[in-house]
Amino acid sequence: MAAAYCGPVEEGERIVQPLRELAEPVVDASGPWPWLGLQSGFDAIFPKGELRYWKSRELGELSDEAIGEILEFAGRRPSPLTDIVIWHHGGAMSRVGETETAYGGRDAQFLVTAEANWTDPAQNDEAITWARAVWDAMERFSTGGVYLNFPGLGEEKEALARAGYGENYDRLAALKTKYDPDNLFRMNINIPPAG
């Protein structure tokens, strides 16, 4: 289980303590971490040379039916490195208004991510097909939002960007038009200049 608290160390200790009491941890790396340490904390689990295709959907709730679908897909993962991660959202991020930042979908309580990871290029089609099937299956439970750091290959292009930014998309397109009218910064899930 991974968790992060951004705020006073004493408050973080109090909030994390119940997680420590769930069971005897195999490893307990909790404690104050520098920002860069937190950002790179999982790098060793995802080594260079590993192939990956990750897609996500935001869910308003984690229903029994959605859990059943997740379990069914988990039972037929294309490789032992592959998983389905359920991210619990809420808290401080959900107390910020939808249009106060660029990040959309702040009201979603969960993010479900199909994280296909493999090392043999012969598994490319199988792994990508599995992750897309999870993504497609989660659509009926979804709020419509996605997390753009897990874009797969970005096949959906503008539709994916609109799903990720939600009602902020048009405002961000106007900013892009003002500050990057030639679309120099376009190597991500791009918002092209309005036009």
Protein backbone atom coordinates (compact mmCIF):
# COMPACT_ATOMS: atom_id res chain seq x y z
CA MET A 1 0.00 0.00 0.00
CA ALA A 2 1.33 3.40 -0.92
CA ALA A 3 0.12 6.63 0.61
CA ALA A 4 1.33 10.21 0.72
CA TYR A 5 0.46 13.08 3.02
CA CYS A 6 1.58 16.62 2.22
CA GLY A 7 1.65 18.74 5.32
CA PRO A 8 3.09 18.84 8.85
CA VAL A 9 5.06 15.69 9.72
CA GLU A 10 3.26 15.22 13.04
CA GLU A 11 -0.14 15.27 11.33
CA GLY A 12 1.10 12.86 8.67
CA GLU A 13 2.32 10.46 11.35
CA ARG A 14 -1.12 10.51 12.98
CA ILE A 15 -2.91 9.90 9.68
CA VAL A 16 -0.59 7.08 8.53
CA GLN A 17 -0.57 5.22 11.87
CA PRO A 18 -3.81 3.25 11.21
CA LEU A 19 -2.26 1.89 7.99
CA ARG A 20 0.68 0.58 10.00
CA GLU A 21 -1.73 -1.22 12.34
CA LEU A 22 -3.63 -3.11 9.60
CA ALA A 23 -1.03 -5.92 9.68
CA GLU A 24 2.68 -6.47 10.15
CA PRO A 25 4.25 -4.62 7.19
CA VAL A 26 6.85 -6.39 5.09
CA VAL A 27 8.50 -3.00 4.54
CA ASP A 28 7.56 0.30 6.13
CA ALA A 29 9.15 3.18 4.22
CA SER A 30 6.84 5.79 5.72
CA GLY A 31 8.30 8.98 7.06
CA PRO A 32 9.35 12.35 5.71
CA TRP A 33 10.46 12.16 2.08
CA PRO A 34 11.80 14.87 -0.20
CA TRP A 35 9.57 15.63 -3.19
CA LEU A 36 12.04 14.18 -5.72
CA GLY A 37 12.35 11.02 -3.62
CA LEU A 38 8.59 10.56 -3.67
CA GLN A 39 8.44 11.18 -7.43
CA SER A 40 11.12 8.58 -8.15
CA GLY A 41 10.19 6.16 -5.36
CA PHE A 42 8.77 3.51 -7.68
CA ASP A 43 11.37 3.77 -10.45
CA ALA A 44 13.11 0.53 -9.44
CA ILE A 45 9.86 -1.41 -9.87
CA PHE A 46 9.60 -0.23 -13.49
CA PRO A 47 13.08 -0.74 -14.97
CA LYS A 48 14.22 0.57 -18.33
CA GLY A 49 13.56 -1.91 -21.09
CA GLU A 50 10.25 -3.00 -19.64
CA LEU A 51 7.34 -2.51 -22.00
CA ARG A 52 4.19 -0.91 -20.63
CA TYR A 53 0.78 0.30 -21.65
CA TRP A 54 -1.34 1.95 -18.96
CA LYS A 55 -4.92 3.25 -19.27
CA SER A 56 -7.14 4.69 -16.55
CA ARG A 57 -10.74 5.59 -15.81
CA GLU A 58 -12.12 7.72 -12.98
CA LEU A 59 -14.99 6.19 -11.00
CA GLY A 60 -17.44 7.99 -8.73
CA GLU A 61 -17.78 4.85 -6.62
CA LEU A 62 -16.29 1.38 -6.47
CA SER A 63 -19.40 -0.76 -6.86
CA ASP A 64 -19.59 -4.52 -6.35
CA GLU A 65 -20.14 -4.89 -10.09
CA ALA A 66 -16.99 -2.88 -10.90
CA ILE A 67 -14.99 -4.93 -8.38
CA GLY A 68 -16.28 -8.11 -10.05
CA GLU A 69 -15.06 -6.88 -13.45
CA ILE A 70 -11.68 -5.93 -12.00
CA LEU A 71 -11.28 -9.38 -10.42
CA GLU A 72 -12.23 -11.10 -13.67
CA PHE A 73 -9.57 -9.17 -15.61
CA ALA A 74 -6.98 -9.64 -12.83
CA GLY A 75 -7.46 -13.40 -13.23
CA ARG A 76 -6.31 -13.27 -16.83
CA ARG A 77 -3.40 -10.84 -16.77
CA PRO A 78 -1.09 -11.21 -19.77
CA SER A 79 2.07 -11.27 -17.61
CA PRO A 80 3.03 -11.48 -13.93
CA LEU A 81 4.25 -7.87 -14.14
CA THR A 82 0.77 -6.65 -15.06
CA ASP A 83 -1.72 -5.37 -12.50
CA ILE A 84 -4.87 -3.36 -11.99
CA VAL A 85 -4.39 -0.55 -9.51
CA ILE A 86 -7.22 1.12 -7.62
CA TRP A 87 -6.28 4.63 -6.54
CA HIS A 88 -8.43 6.21 -3.85
CA HIS A 89 -8.94 9.91 -4.43
CA GLY A 90 -10.82 12.50 -2.43
CA GLY A 91 -9.44 14.44 0.49
CA ALA A 92 -7.80 17.79 -0.19
CA MET A 93 -7.79 17.35 -3.97
CA SER A 94 -11.59 17.09 -3.99
CA ARG A 95 -11.98 20.28 -1.96
CA VAL A 96 -10.59 22.41 -4.79
CA GLY A 97 -13.10 23.70 -7.31
CA GLU A 98 -13.17 22.00 -10.71
CA THR A 99 -12.00 25.12 -12.55
CA GLU A 100 -9.46 26.37 -9.98
CA THR A 101 -6.64 24.35 -11.58
CA ALA A 102 -6.09 22.52 -14.88
CA TYR A 103 -6.69 19.09 -13.31
CA GLY A 104 -10.17 17.80 -14.09
CA GLY A 105 -12.32 15.22 -12.35
CA ARG A 106 -11.61 16.28 -8.79
CA ASP A 107 -14.93 14.81 -7.66
CA ALA A 108 -14.01 11.24 -8.69
CA GLN A 109 -13.47 9.00 -5.69
CA PHE A 110 -11.42 6.33 -7.46
CA LEU A 111 -9.09 5.84 -10.41
CA VAL A 112 -8.82 2.34 -11.85
CA THR A 113 -5.70 1.75 -13.93
CA ALA A 114 -4.96 -1.18 -16.19
CA GLU A 115 -1.17 -1.35 -15.95
CA ALA A 116 0.07 -3.82 -18.55
CA ASN A 117 3.82 -4.41 -18.10
CA TRP A 118 5.86 -7.02 -19.97
CA THR A 119 9.37 -7.68 -21.28
CA ASP A 120 8.86 -9.88 -24.35
CA PRO A 121 7.93 -7.86 -27.47
CA ALA A 122 6.04 -10.92 -28.73
CA GLN A 123 3.43 -10.08 -26.03
CA ASN A 124 2.80 -6.54 -27.33
CA ASP A 125 -0.58 -7.25 -28.91
CA GLU A 126 -1.83 -9.44 -26.06
CA ALA A 127 -0.84 -6.95 -23.34
CA ILE A 128 -2.24 -3.89 -25.11
CA THR A 129 -5.45 -5.74 -25.98
CA TRP A 130 -5.90 -6.76 -22.33
CA ALA A 131 -5.38 -3.20 -21.02
CA ARG A 132 -7.75 -1.74 -23.60
CA ALA A 133 -10.36 -4.35 -22.67
CA VAL A 134 -10.11 -3.33 -19.00
CA TRP A 135 -10.39 0.34 -20.02
CA ASP A 136 -13.44 -0.40 -22.17
CA ALA A 137 -15.08 -2.48 -19.40
CA MET A 138 -14.60 0.31 -16.83
CA GLU A 139 -16.28 2.90 -19.07
CA ARG A 140 -19.78 2.02 -17.85
CA PHE A 141 -18.71 2.70 -14.23
CA SER A 142 -16.74 5.84 -15.08
CA THR A 143 -17.48 9.50 -14.45
CA GLY A 144 -15.97 10.08 -17.91
CA GLY A 145 -12.65 11.33 -16.60
CA VAL A 146 -9.19 9.86 -17.13
CA TYR A 147 -5.71 10.48 -15.72
CA LEU A 148 -3.50 11.72 -18.54
CA ASN A 149 -0.28 10.28 -17.10
CA PHE A 150 -1.70 6.86 -18.05
CA PRO A 151 -2.67 7.50 -21.70
CA GLY A 152 -1.82 4.18 -23.33
CA LEU A 153 -0.56 5.34 -26.72
CA GLY A 154 -2.85 8.35 -26.72
CA GLU A 155 -4.94 6.78 -29.47
CA GLU A 156 -7.99 8.86 -28.57
CA LYS A 157 -6.08 12.12 -29.16
CA GLU A 158 -8.30 15.17 -28.48
CA ALA A 159 -11.08 13.06 -26.93
CA LEU A 160 -8.59 11.78 -24.34
CA ALA A 161 -7.36 15.31 -23.57
CA ARG A 162 -10.95 16.53 -23.21
CA ALA A 163 -11.73 13.63 -20.84
CA GLY A 164 -8.64 14.43 -18.77
CA TYR A 165 -9.12 18.17 -18.48
CA GLY A 166 -12.91 18.15 -18.37
CA GLU A 167 -14.53 21.55 -18.36
CA ASN A 168 -11.07 23.16 -18.20
CA TYR A 169 -10.20 22.12 -21.77
CA ASP A 170 -11.51 25.22 -23.58
CA ARG A 171 -9.86 27.58 -21.06
CA LEU A 172 -6.55 25.73 -21.50
CA ALA A 173 -6.90 25.90 -25.30
CA ALA A 174 -7.28 29.68 -25.02
CA LEU A 175 -4.12 29.85 -22.86
CA LYS A 176 -2.30 27.67 -25.37
CA THR A 177 -3.35 30.05 -28.16
CA LYS A 178 -2.01 33.03 -26.22
CA TYR A 179 1.30 31.58 -24.99
CA ASP A 180 2.11 28.83 -27.52
CA PRO A 181 0.31 29.70 -30.77
CA ASP A 182 2.80 27.66 -32.84
CA ASN A 183 2.23 24.57 -30.65
CA LEU A 184 5.91 24.16 -29.75
CA PHE A 185 5.01 22.18 -26.61
CA ARG A 186 3.19 19.24 -28.20
CA MET A 187 4.97 16.09 -27.03
CA ASN A 188 2.26 15.10 -24.56
CA ILE A 189 -1.50 14.59 -24.76
CA ASN A 190 -1.67 17.89 -26.55
CA ILE A 191 -4.14 20.70 -26.30
CA PRO A 192 -3.69 22.48 -29.64
CA PRO A 193 -4.11 26.23 -29.84
CA ALA A 194 -7.75 27.27 -30.26
CA GLY A 195 -8.44 28.28 -33.70
